[in-house]
Amino acid sequence: MADNDSAGSPVLPGKEVVHVDSSFEPLVPKFMVNRKKEVIVMQEAMAAQDFETVRKVSHGMKGAGGSYGFDRVSEMAAVIEQAAKATDAAVIQRELPILGAYLERIEVVYD
């Protein structure tokens, strides 16, 4: 359950291959939809300078990512969570689009 490509796996250009335990296969599509929605929620919260919502949503995303084997999602959400705690809008505004783009590039491989 690591966020990297193993030797021999085909990788499409621009894709981020994430290896996930096959037992999560029925849950992953909804997981991905929810994470993408959360990015939008955080973007909207930032427009209102609502750091508490950003903190709560990114904290939840951090935990969900780790639970499903999306370690990079957890790492990115942790950066956003810490920035929200510090009310650092510049970091959040820099990192949210990176997280959103990453989520769009994920290609899940079930092991």
N, C-alpha and C. Protein backbone atom coordinates (compact mmCIF):
# COMPACT_ATOMS: atom_id res chain seq x y z
N MET A 1 0.83 -1.19 0.00
CA MET A 1 0.00 0.00 0.00
C MET A 1 0.87 1.25 0.00
N ALA A 2 1.69 1.41 -1.00
CA ALA A 2 2.56 2.56 -1.07
C ALA A 2 2.17 3.41 -2.27
N ASP A 3 2.53 4.68 -2.23
CA ASP A 3 2.22 5.62 -3.28
C ASP A 3 3.24 5.61 -4.40
N ASN A 4 3.88 4.51 -4.67
CA ASN A 4 4.88 4.54 -5.71
C ASN A 4 4.63 3.43 -6.71
N ASP A 5 5.34 3.52 -7.79
CA ASP A 5 5.18 2.56 -8.87
C ASP A 5 6.16 1.41 -8.66
N SER A 6 5.69 0.20 -8.86
CA SER A 6 6.60 -0.93 -8.76
C SER A 6 7.13 -1.25 -10.15
N ALA A 7 8.26 -1.89 -10.22
CA ALA A 7 8.90 -2.20 -11.49
C ALA A 7 7.94 -2.97 -12.39
N GLY A 8 7.90 -2.56 -13.63
CA GLY A 8 7.10 -3.28 -14.60
C GLY A 8 5.67 -2.79 -14.75
N SER A 9 5.18 -1.94 -13.87
CA SER A 9 3.81 -1.43 -14.00
C SER A 9 3.77 -0.35 -15.06
N PRO A 10 2.82 -0.41 -15.97
CA PRO A 10 2.74 0.65 -16.97
C PRO A 10 2.27 1.95 -16.32
N VAL A 11 2.93 3.03 -16.66
CA VAL A 11 2.58 4.33 -16.10
C VAL A 11 2.27 5.26 -17.25
N LEU A 12 1.11 5.85 -17.22
CA LEU A 12 0.74 6.82 -18.24
C LEU A 12 1.40 8.15 -17.93
N PRO A 13 1.80 8.89 -18.94
CA PRO A 13 2.41 10.20 -18.68
C PRO A 13 1.49 11.09 -17.86
N GLY A 14 2.05 11.71 -16.85
CA GLY A 14 1.29 12.62 -16.01
C GLY A 14 0.45 11.94 -14.95
N LYS A 15 0.44 10.63 -14.93
CA LYS A 15 -0.34 9.90 -13.93
C LYS A 15 0.50 9.62 -12.70
N GLU A 16 -0.16 9.53 -11.57
CA GLU A 16 0.47 9.17 -10.30
C GLU A 16 -0.10 7.82 -9.91
N VAL A 17 0.69 6.79 -10.01
CA VAL A 17 0.22 5.45 -9.68
C VAL A 17 0.24 5.26 -8.18
N VAL A 18 -0.88 4.80 -7.64
CA VAL A 18 -1.00 4.52 -6.22
C VAL A 18 -1.43 3.07 -6.08
N HIS A 19 -0.63 2.30 -5.37
CA HIS A 19 -0.97 0.90 -5.13
C HIS A 19 -1.82 0.81 -3.87
N VAL A 20 -2.98 0.17 -4.01
CA VAL A 20 -3.95 0.08 -2.93
C VAL A 20 -4.33 -1.39 -2.76
N ASP A 21 -4.51 -1.79 -1.53
CA ASP A 21 -4.94 -3.15 -1.24
C ASP A 21 -6.25 -3.43 -1.97
N SER A 22 -6.34 -4.58 -2.62
CA SER A 22 -7.52 -4.90 -3.42
C SER A 22 -8.82 -4.95 -2.60
N SER A 23 -8.70 -5.14 -1.29
CA SER A 23 -9.91 -5.16 -0.46
C SER A 23 -10.60 -3.80 -0.42
N PHE A 24 -9.87 -2.74 -0.78
CA PHE A 24 -10.46 -1.39 -0.80
C PHE A 24 -11.10 -1.03 -2.14
N GLU A 25 -10.99 -1.92 -3.13
CA GLU A 25 -11.46 -1.59 -4.47
C GLU A 25 -12.90 -1.08 -4.52
N PRO A 26 -13.84 -1.68 -3.79
CA PRO A 26 -15.22 -1.16 -3.88
C PRO A 26 -15.37 0.24 -3.25
N LEU A 27 -14.43 0.63 -2.40
CA LEU A 27 -14.56 1.89 -1.67
C LEU A 27 -13.81 3.05 -2.31
N VAL A 28 -12.83 2.75 -3.13
CA VAL A 28 -11.94 3.79 -3.65
C VAL A 28 -12.64 4.82 -4.54
N PRO A 29 -13.55 4.44 -5.44
CA PRO A 29 -14.19 5.48 -6.25
C PRO A 29 -14.87 6.56 -5.41
N LYS A 30 -15.60 6.16 -4.39
CA LYS A 30 -16.26 7.14 -3.52
C LYS A 30 -15.22 7.93 -2.71
N PHE A 31 -14.17 7.25 -2.27
CA PHE A 31 -13.07 7.92 -1.57
C PHE A 31 -12.53 9.07 -2.43
N MET A 32 -12.27 8.78 -3.70
CA MET A 32 -11.69 9.80 -4.59
C MET A 32 -12.67 10.96 -4.81
N VAL A 33 -13.94 10.65 -5.02
CA VAL A 33 -14.94 11.70 -5.22
C VAL A 33 -15.00 12.60 -3.98
N ASN A 34 -15.00 11.98 -2.81
CA ASN A 34 -15.07 12.75 -1.57
C ASN A 34 -13.86 13.65 -1.38
N ARG A 35 -12.67 13.14 -1.71
CA ARG A 35 -11.46 13.97 -1.54
C ARG A 35 -11.50 15.17 -2.48
N LYS A 36 -11.96 14.95 -3.71
CA LYS A 36 -12.05 16.07 -4.66
C LYS A 36 -13.06 17.11 -4.19
N LYS A 37 -14.18 16.64 -3.61
CA LYS A 37 -15.17 17.57 -3.06
C LYS A 37 -14.57 18.35 -1.90
N GLU A 38 -13.76 17.69 -1.09
CA GLU A 38 -13.14 18.37 0.06
C GLU A 38 -12.18 19.47 -0.38
N VAL A 39 -11.50 19.27 -1.49
CA VAL A 39 -10.62 20.34 -2.01
C VAL A 39 -11.47 21.57 -2.33
N ILE A 40 -12.62 21.35 -2.95
CA ILE A 40 -13.51 22.47 -3.28
C ILE A 40 -14.01 23.15 -2.00
N VAL A 41 -14.39 22.36 -1.01
CA VAL A 41 -14.84 22.92 0.27
C VAL A 41 -13.74 23.79 0.88
N MET A 42 -12.52 23.30 0.84
CA MET A 42 -11.40 24.08 1.41
C MET A 42 -11.14 25.34 0.61
N GLN A 43 -11.26 25.27 -0.71
CA GLN A 43 -11.08 26.47 -1.54
C GLN A 43 -12.14 27.52 -1.20
N GLU A 44 -13.37 27.05 -1.04
CA GLU A 44 -14.46 27.97 -0.69
C GLU A 44 -14.24 28.55 0.71
N ALA A 45 -13.77 27.73 1.63
CA ALA A 45 -13.49 28.21 2.99
C ALA A 45 -12.39 29.26 2.97
N MET A 46 -11.39 29.05 2.13
CA MET A 46 -10.31 30.04 2.06
C MET A 46 -10.81 31.36 1.49
N ALA A 47 -11.75 31.31 0.57
CA ALA A 47 -12.31 32.55 0.02
C ALA A 47 -12.95 33.37 1.13
N ALA A 48 -13.44 32.68 2.17
CA ALA A 48 -14.05 33.34 3.32
C ALA A 48 -13.07 33.48 4.49
N GLN A 49 -11.81 33.13 4.26
CA GLN A 49 -10.79 33.15 5.31
C GLN A 49 -11.21 32.30 6.52
N ASP A 50 -11.87 31.19 6.24
CA ASP A 50 -12.36 30.27 7.28
C ASP A 50 -11.32 29.17 7.51
N PHE A 51 -10.32 29.51 8.29
CA PHE A 51 -9.21 28.58 8.53
C PHE A 51 -9.65 27.36 9.34
N GLU A 52 -10.66 27.52 10.18
CA GLU A 52 -11.11 26.38 10.99
C GLU A 52 -11.72 25.29 10.11
N THR A 53 -12.51 25.67 9.12
CA THR A 53 -13.06 24.67 8.20
C THR A 53 -11.93 23.99 7.43
N VAL A 54 -10.97 24.76 6.96
CA VAL A 54 -9.83 24.18 6.24
C VAL A 54 -9.10 23.20 7.15
N ARG A 55 -8.92 23.58 8.41
CA ARG A 55 -8.22 22.70 9.35
C ARG A 55 -8.98 21.39 9.54
N LYS A 56 -10.28 21.50 9.78
CA LYS A 56 -11.09 20.29 10.02
C LYS A 56 -11.11 19.37 8.80
N VAL A 57 -11.32 19.95 7.63
CA VAL A 57 -11.43 19.14 6.41
C VAL A 57 -10.08 18.49 6.09
N SER A 58 -9.01 19.26 6.20
CA SER A 58 -7.69 18.69 5.89
C SER A 58 -7.29 17.64 6.92
N HIS A 59 -7.69 17.82 8.17
CA HIS A 59 -7.41 16.81 9.20
C HIS A 59 -8.11 15.49 8.85
N GLY A 60 -9.37 15.59 8.46
CA GLY A 60 -10.10 14.39 8.07
C GLY A 60 -9.50 13.73 6.84
N MET A 61 -9.08 14.54 5.88
CA MET A 61 -8.47 14.01 4.67
C MET A 61 -7.15 13.31 5.01
N LYS A 62 -6.41 13.88 5.91
CA LYS A 62 -5.14 13.28 6.33
C LYS A 62 -5.37 11.87 6.88
N GLY A 63 -6.36 11.72 7.72
CA GLY A 63 -6.66 10.41 8.29
C GLY A 63 -7.22 9.43 7.27
N ALA A 64 -8.11 9.91 6.42
CA ALA A 64 -8.71 9.04 5.40
C ALA A 64 -7.65 8.55 4.42
N GLY A 65 -6.77 9.43 4.02
CA GLY A 65 -5.72 9.04 3.08
C GLY A 65 -4.87 7.91 3.61
N GLY A 66 -4.45 8.03 4.85
CA GLY A 66 -3.64 6.98 5.46
C GLY A 66 -4.38 5.67 5.61
N SER A 67 -5.66 5.76 5.93
CA SER A 67 -6.47 4.56 6.13
C SER A 67 -6.62 3.74 4.85
N TYR A 68 -6.63 4.42 3.71
CA TYR A 68 -6.84 3.75 2.43
C TYR A 68 -5.53 3.47 1.69
N GLY A 69 -4.42 3.92 2.22
CA GLY A 69 -3.14 3.68 1.56
C GLY A 69 -2.71 4.80 0.63
N PHE A 70 -3.35 5.95 0.73
CA PHE A 70 -2.98 7.11 -0.08
C PHE A 70 -2.08 8.02 0.78
N ASP A 71 -0.87 7.57 0.98
CA ASP A 71 0.05 8.26 1.89
C ASP A 71 0.36 9.68 1.43
N ARG A 72 0.51 9.88 0.13
CA ARG A 72 0.84 11.22 -0.37
C ARG A 72 -0.33 12.18 -0.12
N VAL A 73 -1.55 11.72 -0.23
CA VAL A 73 -2.71 12.56 0.08
C VAL A 73 -2.63 12.99 1.55
N SER A 74 -2.31 12.05 2.42
CA SER A 74 -2.19 12.37 3.85
C SER A 74 -1.09 13.39 4.10
N GLU A 75 0.04 13.23 3.43
CA GLU A 75 1.15 14.17 3.61
C GLU A 75 0.75 15.57 3.15
N MET A 76 0.10 15.66 2.02
CA MET A 76 -0.30 16.96 1.49
C MET A 76 -1.36 17.61 2.39
N ALA A 77 -2.31 16.80 2.86
CA ALA A 77 -3.35 17.32 3.75
C ALA A 77 -2.75 17.79 5.06
N ALA A 78 -1.72 17.10 5.54
CA ALA A 78 -1.07 17.50 6.79
C ALA A 78 -0.42 18.88 6.66
N VAL A 79 0.17 19.15 5.52
CA VAL A 79 0.77 20.48 5.28
C VAL A 79 -0.31 21.55 5.33
N ILE A 80 -1.43 21.27 4.70
CA ILE A 80 -2.54 22.23 4.68
C ILE A 80 -3.12 22.40 6.08
N GLU A 81 -3.25 21.30 6.81
CA GLU A 81 -3.77 21.38 8.17
C GLU A 81 -2.88 22.26 9.05
N GLN A 82 -1.57 22.06 8.97
CA GLN A 82 -0.65 22.87 9.77
C GLN A 82 -0.72 24.34 9.37
N ALA A 83 -0.84 24.60 8.08
CA ALA A 83 -0.96 25.99 7.62
C ALA A 83 -2.26 26.62 8.13
N ALA A 84 -3.33 25.84 8.16
CA ALA A 84 -4.61 26.36 8.67
C ALA A 84 -4.49 26.68 10.15
N LYS A 85 -3.82 25.81 10.91
CA LYS A 85 -3.62 26.08 12.34
C LYS A 85 -2.84 27.38 12.54
N ALA A 86 -1.91 27.65 11.63
CA ALA A 86 -1.08 28.85 11.73
C ALA A 86 -1.71 30.04 10.99
N THR A 87 -2.92 29.88 10.47
CA THR A 87 -3.60 30.87 9.64
C THR A 87 -2.68 31.42 8.55
N ASP A 88 -1.99 30.52 7.89
CA ASP A 88 -1.06 30.87 6.82
C ASP A 88 -1.75 30.68 5.46
N ALA A 89 -2.43 31.73 5.04
CA ALA A 89 -3.21 31.66 3.79
C ALA A 89 -2.31 31.40 2.59
N ALA A 90 -1.11 31.96 2.58
CA ALA A 90 -0.22 31.79 1.42
C ALA A 90 0.11 30.33 1.19
N VAL A 91 0.41 29.60 2.24
CA VAL A 91 0.75 28.17 2.09
C VAL A 91 -0.48 27.40 1.62
N ILE A 92 -1.62 27.69 2.20
CA ILE A 92 -2.84 26.97 1.81
C ILE A 92 -3.16 27.25 0.34
N GLN A 93 -3.08 28.49 -0.06
CA GLN A 93 -3.40 28.84 -1.44
C GLN A 93 -2.40 28.25 -2.43
N ARG A 94 -1.18 28.00 -1.97
CA ARG A 94 -0.19 27.34 -2.82
C ARG A 94 -0.43 25.83 -2.87
N GLU A 95 -0.76 25.22 -1.74
CA GLU A 95 -0.84 23.76 -1.63
C GLU A 95 -2.16 23.17 -2.11
N LEU A 96 -3.27 23.88 -1.94
CA LEU A 96 -4.57 23.32 -2.36
C LEU A 96 -4.62 22.98 -3.84
N PRO A 97 -4.16 23.86 -4.73
CA PRO A 97 -4.19 23.49 -6.15
C PRO A 97 -3.28 22.30 -6.46
N ILE A 98 -2.17 22.19 -5.74
CA ILE A 98 -1.26 21.06 -5.94
C ILE A 98 -1.97 19.76 -5.53
N LEU A 99 -2.66 19.80 -4.39
CA LEU A 99 -3.41 18.64 -3.93
C LEU A 99 -4.51 18.29 -4.92
N GLY A 100 -5.26 19.27 -5.37
CA GLY A 100 -6.33 19.03 -6.34
C GLY A 100 -5.81 18.41 -7.62
N ALA A 101 -4.69 18.93 -8.13
CA ALA A 101 -4.10 18.39 -9.36
C ALA A 101 -3.60 16.97 -9.14
N TYR A 102 -3.03 16.72 -7.98
CA TYR A 102 -2.56 15.37 -7.66
C TYR A 102 -3.72 14.38 -7.68
N LEU A 103 -4.82 14.75 -7.05
CA LEU A 103 -5.99 13.87 -7.02
C LEU A 103 -6.49 13.55 -8.43
N GLU A 104 -6.39 14.51 -9.33
CA GLU A 104 -6.84 14.29 -10.71
C GLU A 104 -5.92 13.33 -11.47
N ARG A 105 -4.67 13.26 -11.06
CA ARG A 105 -3.68 12.43 -11.78
C ARG A 105 -3.57 11.01 -11.24
N ILE A 106 -4.20 10.72 -10.12
CA ILE A 106 -4.04 9.41 -9.50
C ILE A 106 -4.60 8.30 -10.39
N GLU A 107 -3.80 7.28 -10.56
CA GLU A 107 -4.24 6.05 -11.21
C GLU A 107 -4.07 4.95 -10.18
N VAL A 108 -5.16 4.34 -9.77
CA VAL A 108 -5.12 3.32 -8.72
C VAL A 108 -4.82 1.95 -9.32
N VAL A 109 -3.87 1.27 -8.71
CA VAL A 109 -3.56 -0.12 -9.06
C VAL A 109 -3.85 -0.95 -7.83
N TYR A 110 -4.68 -1.98 -7.98
CA TYR A 110 -5.07 -2.81 -6.84
C TYR A 110 -4.16 -4.01 -6.74
N ASP A 111 -3.61 -4.19 -5.55
CA ASP A 111 -2.69 -5.33 -5.28
C ASP A 111 -3.36 -6.38 -4.44
